[in-house]
Amino acid sequence: MEEIKTTREELPQLLARLREEHRTDERHEPIGIITRDTIVNSEISKFPKRYQDASFEAYEFYGTVEQQERQRRLVQFLQEGKSVVMYGNNGTGKTMLAFSSIRDKIVKGMSTRYVSLLDVIDEIKDTFSTGVSPLRIVEKYIGYDYLVIDEMDKSYGTPTEFINIFRILNGRYMDKKPTVLITNASKDDVISIVGRSSYERIVEDGTAVNMNWDSYRRPGNKS
């Protein structure tokens, strides 16, 4: 899945591109006004097509009373920008809620990133052959105001990646920046990948939710 990123460092280039796109014609007539909505819409347009309409308002609660209560609590934590671990069954709305939360943070002017764990690991591995310090990649992921890491159950399981994942999560914890982890596996699998201390630091500032309700994708549920 395509990475989603917005950073303050890229804002000048983004504004320059948007200004160029908003020129009315070749006669260099006045440039259109670049509004905050223009920037927000530009960033949301980078979402995968499946999730471009994702929003908290579009999320429909379903399942048992207890499951719906957990869903409401989860949405509340995401809206408040707290750290969250979403784990459990396939098709239960984890990625949809992730992009809903990213949309919400973009609107609030925060720098965001959606990425898979394997992409983070591979990006760090690439530095081994380029002479670039892997700490530069670690610092980049610490720097985002809001970070979502998906597919947490897919990793190579090496000691090096464990250390670098710890560095990212610990750095964000120390800077009080929210991190969202997503997996279709169990809570124990997440703990084995990130370590118990990292896991506990995430849920200390937020929550972990077992999304064990029926799939959205099944007949009779949300399509």
C-alpha atoms as a PDB file:
ATOM      1  CA  MET A   1       0.000   0.000   0.000  1.00  0.00           C
ATOM      2  CA  GLU A   2       1.276   3.514  -0.800  1.00  0.00           C
ATOM      3  CA  GLU A   3       2.895   5.463   1.992  1.00  0.00           C
ATOM      4  CA  ILE A   4       1.112   8.584   3.127  1.00  0.00           C
ATOM      5  CA  LYS A   5       3.291  11.404   4.403  1.00  0.00           C
ATOM      6  CA  THR A   6       3.152  15.103   5.082  1.00  0.00           C
ATOM      7  CA  THR A   7       5.957  17.027   6.731  1.00  0.00           C
ATOM      8  CA  ARG A   8       6.534  20.635   7.649  1.00  0.00           C
ATOM      9  CA  GLU A   9       9.824  20.524   5.736  1.00  0.00           C
ATOM     10  CA  GLU A  10       7.962  19.737   2.528  1.00  0.00           C
ATOM     11  CA  LEU A  11       5.427  22.545   2.973  1.00  0.00           C
ATOM     12  CA  PRO A  12       7.345  25.197   0.960  1.00  0.00           C
ATOM     13  CA  GLN A  13       7.653  22.836  -2.015  1.00  0.00           C
ATOM     14  CA  LEU A  14       3.997  21.896  -1.698  1.00  0.00           C
ATOM     15  CA  LEU A  15       2.925  25.519  -1.683  1.00  0.00           C
ATOM     16  CA  ALA A  16       5.096  26.256  -4.724  1.00  0.00           C
ATOM     17  CA  ARG A  17       3.554  23.345  -6.617  1.00  0.00           C
ATOM     18  CA  LEU A  18       0.051  24.364  -5.650  1.00  0.00           C
ATOM     19  CA  ARG A  19       0.683  27.931  -6.748  1.00  0.00           C
ATOM     20  CA  GLU A  20       1.875  26.692 -10.115  1.00  0.00           C
ATOM     21  CA  GLU A  21      -1.187  24.475 -10.478  1.00  0.00           C
ATOM     22  CA  HIS A  22      -3.452  27.422  -9.680  1.00  0.00           C
ATOM     23  CA  ARG A  23      -2.149  29.796 -12.361  1.00  0.00           C
ATOM     24  CA  THR A  24      -5.149  30.737 -14.463  1.00  0.00           C
ATOM     25  CA  ASP A  25      -3.401  30.720 -17.884  1.00  0.00           C
ATOM     26  CA  GLU A  26      -0.119  31.248 -19.741  1.00  0.00           C
ATOM     27  CA  ARG A  27      -0.463  35.044 -19.518  1.00  0.00           C
ATOM     28  CA  HIS A  28       0.479  34.818 -15.840  1.00  0.00           C
ATOM     29  CA  GLU A  29      -2.760  36.181 -14.567  1.00  0.00           C
ATOM     30  CA  PRO A  30      -3.106  36.356 -10.761  1.00  0.00           C
ATOM     31  CA  ILE A  31      -2.351  33.163  -8.913  1.00  0.00           C
ATOM     32  CA  GLY A  32      -5.285  31.585  -7.090  1.00  0.00           C
ATOM     33  CA  ILE A  33      -5.418  31.930  -3.338  1.00  0.00           C
ATOM     34  CA  ILE A  34      -3.763  28.992  -1.584  1.00  0.00           C
ATOM     35  CA  THR A  35      -6.007  28.171   1.345  1.00  0.00           C
ATOM     36  CA  ARG A  36      -5.617  25.687   4.144  1.00  0.00           C
ATOM     37  CA  ASP A  37      -8.406  23.640   2.548  1.00  0.00           C
ATOM     38  CA  THR A  38      -6.382  23.461  -0.661  1.00  0.00           C
ATOM     39  CA  ILE A  39      -3.420  21.993   1.182  1.00  0.00           C
ATOM     40  CA  VAL A  40      -5.609  19.580   3.150  1.00  0.00           C
ATOM     41  CA  ASN A  41      -7.362  18.359   0.002  1.00  0.00           C
ATOM     42  CA  SER A  42      -4.021  17.923  -1.737  1.00  0.00           C
ATOM     43  CA  GLU A  43      -2.761  15.696   1.066  1.00  0.00           C
ATOM     44  CA  ILE A  44      -5.961  13.649   1.277  1.00  0.00           C
ATOM     45  CA  SER A  45      -5.824  13.095  -2.503  1.00  0.00           C
ATOM     46  CA  LYS A  46      -2.696  11.006  -1.847  1.00  0.00           C
ATOM     47  CA  PHE A  47      -4.725   8.458   0.133  1.00  0.00           C
ATOM     48  CA  PRO A  48      -5.368   5.112  -1.587  1.00  0.00           C
ATOM     49  CA  LYS A  49      -8.628   5.418  -3.513  1.00  0.00           C
ATOM     50  CA  ARG A  50     -10.320   2.917  -1.216  1.00  0.00           C
ATOM     51  CA  TYR A  51      -9.790   5.212   1.768  1.00  0.00           C
ATOM     52  CA  GLN A  52     -10.105   8.708   0.317  1.00  0.00           C
ATOM     53  CA  ASP A  53     -13.579   9.070   1.823  1.00  0.00           C
ATOM     54  CA  ALA A  54     -12.593   7.577   5.181  1.00  0.00           C
ATOM     55  CA  SER A  55     -13.690   9.708   8.107  1.00  0.00           C
ATOM     56  CA  PHE A  56     -14.907   9.267  11.660  1.00  0.00           C
ATOM     57  CA  GLU A  57     -18.300  10.544  10.551  1.00  0.00           C
ATOM     58  CA  ALA A  58     -18.564   7.735   7.985  1.00  0.00           C
ATOM     59  CA  TYR A  59     -17.749   4.982  10.475  1.00  0.00           C
ATOM     60  CA  GLU A  60     -20.759   2.858  11.410  1.00  0.00           C
ATOM     61  CA  PHE A  61     -20.827   1.062  14.739  1.00  0.00           C
ATOM     62  CA  TYR A  62     -22.043  -2.535  14.599  1.00  0.00           C
ATOM     63  CA  GLY A  63     -21.981  -5.847  16.439  1.00  0.00           C
ATOM     64  CA  THR A  64     -23.015  -6.520  20.009  1.00  0.00           C
ATOM     65  CA  VAL A  65     -23.618  -3.755  22.536  1.00  0.00           C
ATOM     66  CA  GLU A  66     -20.253  -4.501  24.149  1.00  0.00           C
ATOM     67  CA  GLN A  67     -18.454  -4.469  20.782  1.00  0.00           C
ATOM     68  CA  GLN A  68     -20.031  -1.166  19.809  1.00  0.00           C
ATOM     69  CA  GLU A  69     -18.947   0.308  23.117  1.00  0.00           C
ATOM     70  CA  ARG A  70     -15.350  -0.736  22.386  1.00  0.00           C
ATOM     71  CA  GLN A  71     -15.653   0.794  18.911  1.00  0.00           C
ATOM     72  CA  ARG A  72     -16.853   4.105  20.363  1.00  0.00           C
ATOM     73  CA  ARG A  73     -14.015   4.110  22.884  1.00  0.00           C
ATOM     74  CA  LEU A  74     -11.516   3.377  20.101  1.00  0.00           C
ATOM     75  CA  VAL A  75     -12.821   6.210  17.924  1.00  0.00           C
ATOM     76  CA  GLN A  76     -12.678   8.566  20.904  1.00  0.00           C
ATOM     77  CA  PHE A  77      -9.019   7.721  21.545  1.00  0.00           C
ATOM     78  CA  LEU A  78      -8.167   8.215  17.858  1.00  0.00           C
ATOM     79  CA  GLN A  79     -10.025  11.532  17.734  1.00  0.00           C
ATOM     80  CA  GLU A  80      -8.142  12.712  20.796  1.00  0.00           C
ATOM     81  CA  GLY A  81      -4.849  11.836  19.119  1.00  0.00           C
ATOM     82  CA  LYS A  82      -3.809   9.199  21.626  1.00  0.00           C
ATOM     83  CA  SER A  83      -1.644   6.172  20.943  1.00  0.00           C
ATOM     84  CA  VAL A  84      -3.553   3.023  20.003  1.00  0.00           C
ATOM     85  CA  VAL A  85      -2.844  -0.611  19.219  1.00  0.00           C
ATOM     86  CA  MET A  86      -5.525  -2.103  16.952  1.00  0.00           C
ATOM     87  CA  TYR A  87      -5.330  -5.884  16.645  1.00  0.00           C
ATOM     88  CA  GLY A  88      -7.606  -8.778  15.778  1.00  0.00           C
ATOM     89  CA  ASN A  89      -9.742 -10.087  12.953  1.00  0.00           C
ATOM     90  CA  ASN A  90      -9.379  -9.202   9.277  1.00  0.00           C
ATOM     91  CA  GLY A  91     -11.810  -6.706   7.784  1.00  0.00           C
ATOM     92  CA  THR A  92     -12.907  -5.058  11.022  1.00  0.00           C
ATOM     93  CA  GLY A  93     -12.149  -1.479   9.982  1.00  0.00           C
ATOM     94  CA  LYS A  94      -8.613  -1.044  11.286  1.00  0.00           C
ATOM     95  CA  THR A  95      -7.156   0.583   8.177  1.00  0.00           C
ATOM     96  CA  MET A  96     -10.316   2.598   7.541  1.00  0.00           C
ATOM     97  CA  LEU A  97     -10.080   4.044  11.049  1.00  0.00           C
ATOM     98  CA  ALA A  98      -6.361   4.674  10.564  1.00  0.00           C
ATOM     99  CA  PHE A  99      -7.005   6.835   7.505  1.00  0.00           C
ATOM    100  CA  SER A 100      -9.918   8.503   9.278  1.00  0.00           C
ATOM    101  CA  SER A 101      -7.528   9.511  12.044  1.00  0.00           C
ATOM    102  CA  ILE A 102      -4.887  10.670   9.551  1.00  0.00           C
ATOM    103  CA  ARG A 103      -7.489  12.835   7.798  1.00  0.00           C
ATOM    104  CA  ASP A 104      -8.448  14.323  11.153  1.00  0.00           C
ATOM    105  CA  LYS A 105      -4.806  15.137  11.988  1.00  0.00           C
ATOM    106  CA  ILE A 106      -4.095  16.648   8.553  1.00  0.00           C
ATOM    107  CA  VAL A 107      -7.069  18.965   9.026  1.00  0.00           C
ATOM    108  CA  LYS A 108      -5.586  19.949  12.383  1.00  0.00           C
ATOM    109  CA  GLY A 109      -2.297  20.874  10.704  1.00  0.00           C
ATOM    110  CA  MET A 110      -0.214  17.953  11.970  1.00  0.00           C
ATOM    111  CA  SER A 111       2.496  16.144  10.026  1.00  0.00           C
ATOM    112  CA  THR A 112       1.423  12.534   9.432  1.00  0.00           C
ATOM    113  CA  ARG A 113       2.724   9.266   8.062  1.00  0.00           C
ATOM    114  CA  TYR A 114       1.096   5.938   7.214  1.00  0.00           C
ATOM    115  CA  VAL A 115       3.545   3.115   6.535  1.00  0.00           C
ATOM    116  CA  SER A 116       3.861  -0.654   6.856  1.00  0.00           C
ATOM    117  CA  LEU A 117       6.379  -2.129   9.269  1.00  0.00           C
ATOM    118  CA  LEU A 118       8.198  -3.883   6.423  1.00  0.00           C
ATOM    119  CA  ASP A 119       8.615  -0.572   4.605  1.00  0.00           C
ATOM    120  CA  VAL A 120      10.215   0.937   7.698  1.00  0.00           C
ATOM    121  CA  ILE A 121      12.535  -2.032   8.088  1.00  0.00           C
ATOM    122  CA  ASP A 122      13.494  -2.065   4.402  1.00  0.00           C
ATOM    123  CA  GLU A 123      14.166   1.678   4.474  1.00  0.00           C
ATOM    124  CA  ILE A 124      16.567   1.149   7.363  1.00  0.00           C
ATOM    125  CA  LYS A 125      18.194  -1.844   5.640  1.00  0.00           C
ATOM    126  CA  ASP A 126      18.830   0.246   2.531  1.00  0.00           C
ATOM    127  CA  THR A 127      21.095   2.520   4.550  1.00  0.00           C
ATOM    128  CA  PHE A 128      23.546  -0.343   5.094  1.00  0.00           C
ATOM    129  CA  SER A 129      24.668  -0.153   1.456  1.00  0.00           C
ATOM    130  CA  THR A 130      24.579   3.625   1.096  1.00  0.00           C
ATOM    131  CA  GLY A 131      26.645   4.723   4.056  1.00  0.00           C
ATOM    132  CA  VAL A 132      23.732   6.678   5.495  1.00  0.00           C
ATOM    133  CA  SER A 133      23.257   6.250   9.223  1.00  0.00           C
ATOM    134  CA  PRO A 134      20.118   4.231  10.060  1.00  0.00           C
ATOM    135  CA  LEU A 135      19.573   6.729  12.866  1.00  0.00           C
ATOM    136  CA  ARG A 136      18.529   9.274  10.229  1.00  0.00           C
ATOM    137  CA  ILE A 137      15.605   7.027   9.312  1.00  0.00           C
ATOM    138  CA  VAL A 138      14.798   6.464  12.974  1.00  0.00           C
ATOM    139  CA  GLU A 139      14.840  10.217  13.623  1.00  0.00           C
ATOM    140  CA  LYS A 140      12.604  10.830  10.607  1.00  0.00           C
ATOM    141  CA  TYR A 141       9.909   8.538  11.988  1.00  0.00           C
ATOM    142  CA  ILE A 142      10.253  10.040  15.445  1.00  0.00           C
ATOM    143  CA  GLY A 143       9.720  13.460  13.881  1.00  0.00           C
ATOM    144  CA  TYR A 144       6.183  12.995  12.552  1.00  0.00           C
ATOM    145  CA  ASP A 145       3.453  14.460  14.720  1.00  0.00           C
ATOM    146  CA  TYR A 146       1.263  11.412  14.047  1.00  0.00           C
ATOM    147  CA  LEU A 147       2.525   7.998  12.919  1.00  0.00           C
ATOM    148  CA  VAL A 148       0.542   4.912  11.855  1.00  0.00           C
ATOM    149  CA  ILE A 149       2.441   1.644  11.350  1.00  0.00           C
ATOM    150  CA  ASP A 150       0.390  -1.114   9.709  1.00  0.00           C
ATOM    151  CA  GLU A 151       1.046  -4.842   9.261  1.00  0.00           C
ATOM    152  CA  MET A 152       2.937  -5.117  12.533  1.00  0.00           C
ATOM    153  CA  ASP A 153       2.871  -8.906  12.294  1.00  0.00           C
ATOM    154  CA  LYS A 154       5.014  -8.891   9.128  1.00  0.00           C
ATOM    155  CA  SER A 155       8.710  -8.539   9.898  1.00  0.00           C
ATOM    156  CA  TYR A 156      11.970 -10.421   9.419  1.00  0.00           C
ATOM    157  CA  GLY A 157      12.465 -10.900  13.145  1.00  0.00           C
ATOM    158  CA  THR A 158      16.115  -9.807  13.318  1.00  0.00           C
ATOM    159  CA  PRO A 159      17.741  -8.245  16.395  1.00  0.00           C
ATOM    160  CA  THR A 160      18.651  -5.138  14.362  1.00  0.00           C
ATOM    161  CA  GLU A 161      15.071  -4.394  13.361  1.00  0.00           C
ATOM    162  CA  PHE A 162      13.915  -4.997  16.943  1.00  0.00           C
ATOM    163  CA  ILE A 163      16.396  -2.389  18.183  1.00  0.00           C
ATOM    164  CA  ASN A 164      15.398   0.164  15.566  1.00  0.00           C
ATOM    165  CA  ILE A 165      11.676  -0.357  16.154  1.00  0.00           C
ATOM    166  CA  PHE A 166      12.335   0.200  19.851  1.00  0.00           C
ATOM    167  CA  ARG A 167      14.252   3.388  19.044  1.00  0.00           C
ATOM    168  CA  ILE A 168      11.357   4.763  17.012  1.00  0.00           C
ATOM    169  CA  LEU A 169       8.651   3.881  19.519  1.00  0.00           C
ATOM    170  CA  ASN A 170      10.694   4.961  22.518  1.00  0.00           C
ATOM    171  CA  GLY A 171      11.677   8.228  20.857  1.00  0.00           C
ATOM    172  CA  ARG A 172       8.054   9.029  20.105  1.00  0.00           C
ATOM    173  CA  TYR A 173       7.058   8.113  23.638  1.00  0.00           C
ATOM    174  CA  MET A 174       9.693  10.450  25.064  1.00  0.00           C
ATOM    175  CA  ASP A 175       8.482  13.259  22.779  1.00  0.00           C
ATOM    176  CA  LYS A 176       4.833  12.549  23.686  1.00  0.00           C
ATOM    177  CA  LYS A 177       3.873  11.871  20.068  1.00  0.00           C
ATOM    178  CA  PRO A 178       0.982   9.483  19.339  1.00  0.00           C
ATOM    179  CA  THR A 179       1.686   6.226  17.524  1.00  0.00           C
ATOM    180  CA  VAL A 180      -0.911   3.844  16.100  1.00  0.00           C
ATOM    181  CA  LEU A 181       0.028   0.197  15.535  1.00  0.00           C
ATOM    182  CA  ILE A 182      -2.159  -2.114  13.431  1.00  0.00           C
ATOM    183  CA  THR A 183      -2.102  -5.887  13.031  1.00  0.00           C
ATOM    184  CA  ASN A 184      -4.375  -8.800  12.192  1.00  0.00           C
ATOM    185  CA  ALA A 185      -2.432 -10.911  14.673  1.00  0.00           C
ATOM    186  CA  SER A 186      -2.794 -11.186  18.436  1.00  0.00           C
ATOM    187  CA  LYS A 187      -1.652  -8.854  21.195  1.00  0.00           C
ATOM    188  CA  ASP A 188       1.059 -11.357  22.133  1.00  0.00           C
ATOM    189  CA  ASP A 189       2.403 -11.232  18.568  1.00  0.00           C
ATOM    190  CA  VAL A 190       2.656  -7.448  18.754  1.00  0.00           C
ATOM    191  CA  ILE A 191       4.492  -7.676  22.070  1.00  0.00           C
ATOM    192  CA  SER A 192       6.945 -10.222  20.647  1.00  0.00           C
ATOM    193  CA  ILE A 193       7.760  -7.836  17.757  1.00  0.00           C
ATOM    194  CA  VAL A 194       8.049  -4.496  19.566  1.00  0.00           C
ATOM    195  CA  GLY A 195       8.920  -5.739  23.047  1.00  0.00           C
ATOM    196  CA  ARG A 196       6.840  -5.549  26.194  1.00  0.00           C
ATOM    197  CA  SER A 197       8.308  -2.229  27.318  1.00  0.00           C
ATOM    198  CA  SER A 198       7.453  -0.523  24.005  1.00  0.00           C
ATOM    199  CA  TYR A 199       3.973  -2.011  24.022  1.00  0.00           C
ATOM    200  CA  GLU A 200       3.304  -0.876  27.576  1.00  0.00           C
ATOM    201  CA  ARG A 201       4.520   2.630  26.798  1.00  0.00           C
ATOM    202  CA  ILE A 202       2.068   2.899  23.903  1.00  0.00           C
ATOM    203  CA  VAL A 203      -0.932   1.727  25.904  1.00  0.00           C
ATOM    204  CA  GLU A 204       0.162   3.866  28.874  1.00  0.00           C
ATOM    205  CA  ASP A 205      -0.711   6.963  26.844  1.00  0.00           C
ATOM    206  CA  GLY A 206      -3.581   5.328  24.967  1.00  0.00           C
ATOM    207  CA  THR A 207      -5.217   1.934  24.644  1.00  0.00           C
ATOM    208  CA  ALA A 208      -5.162  -1.464  22.942  1.00  0.00           C
ATOM    209  CA  VAL A 209      -8.343  -2.742  21.324  1.00  0.00           C
ATOM    210  CA  ASN A 210      -9.084  -6.317  20.344  1.00  0.00           C
ATOM    211  CA  MET A 211     -11.181  -5.892  17.178  1.00  0.00           C
ATOM    212  CA  ASN A 212     -12.707  -9.344  17.349  1.00  0.00           C
ATOM    213  CA  TRP A 213     -16.092  -8.506  15.849  1.00  0.00           C
ATOM    214  CA  ASP A 214     -17.314  -9.779  12.467  1.00  0.00           C
ATOM    215  CA  SER A 215     -15.731  -8.492   9.287  1.00  0.00           C
ATOM    216  CA  TYR A 216     -17.152  -5.388   7.593  1.00  0.00           C
ATOM    217  CA  ARG A 217     -16.739  -7.288   4.357  1.00  0.00           C
ATOM    218  CA  ARG A 218     -19.221 -10.055   5.173  1.00  0.00           C
ATOM    219  CA  PRO A 219     -22.764  -9.933   3.742  1.00  0.00           C
ATOM    220  CA  GLY A 220     -25.049  -7.989   6.043  1.00  0.00           C
ATOM    221  CA  ASN A 221     -22.296  -5.757   7.392  1.00  0.00           C
ATOM    222  CA  LYS A 222     -20.970  -2.441   6.103  1.00  0.00           C
ATOM    223  CA  SER A 223     -19.789  -2.822   2.498  1.00  0.00           C
END
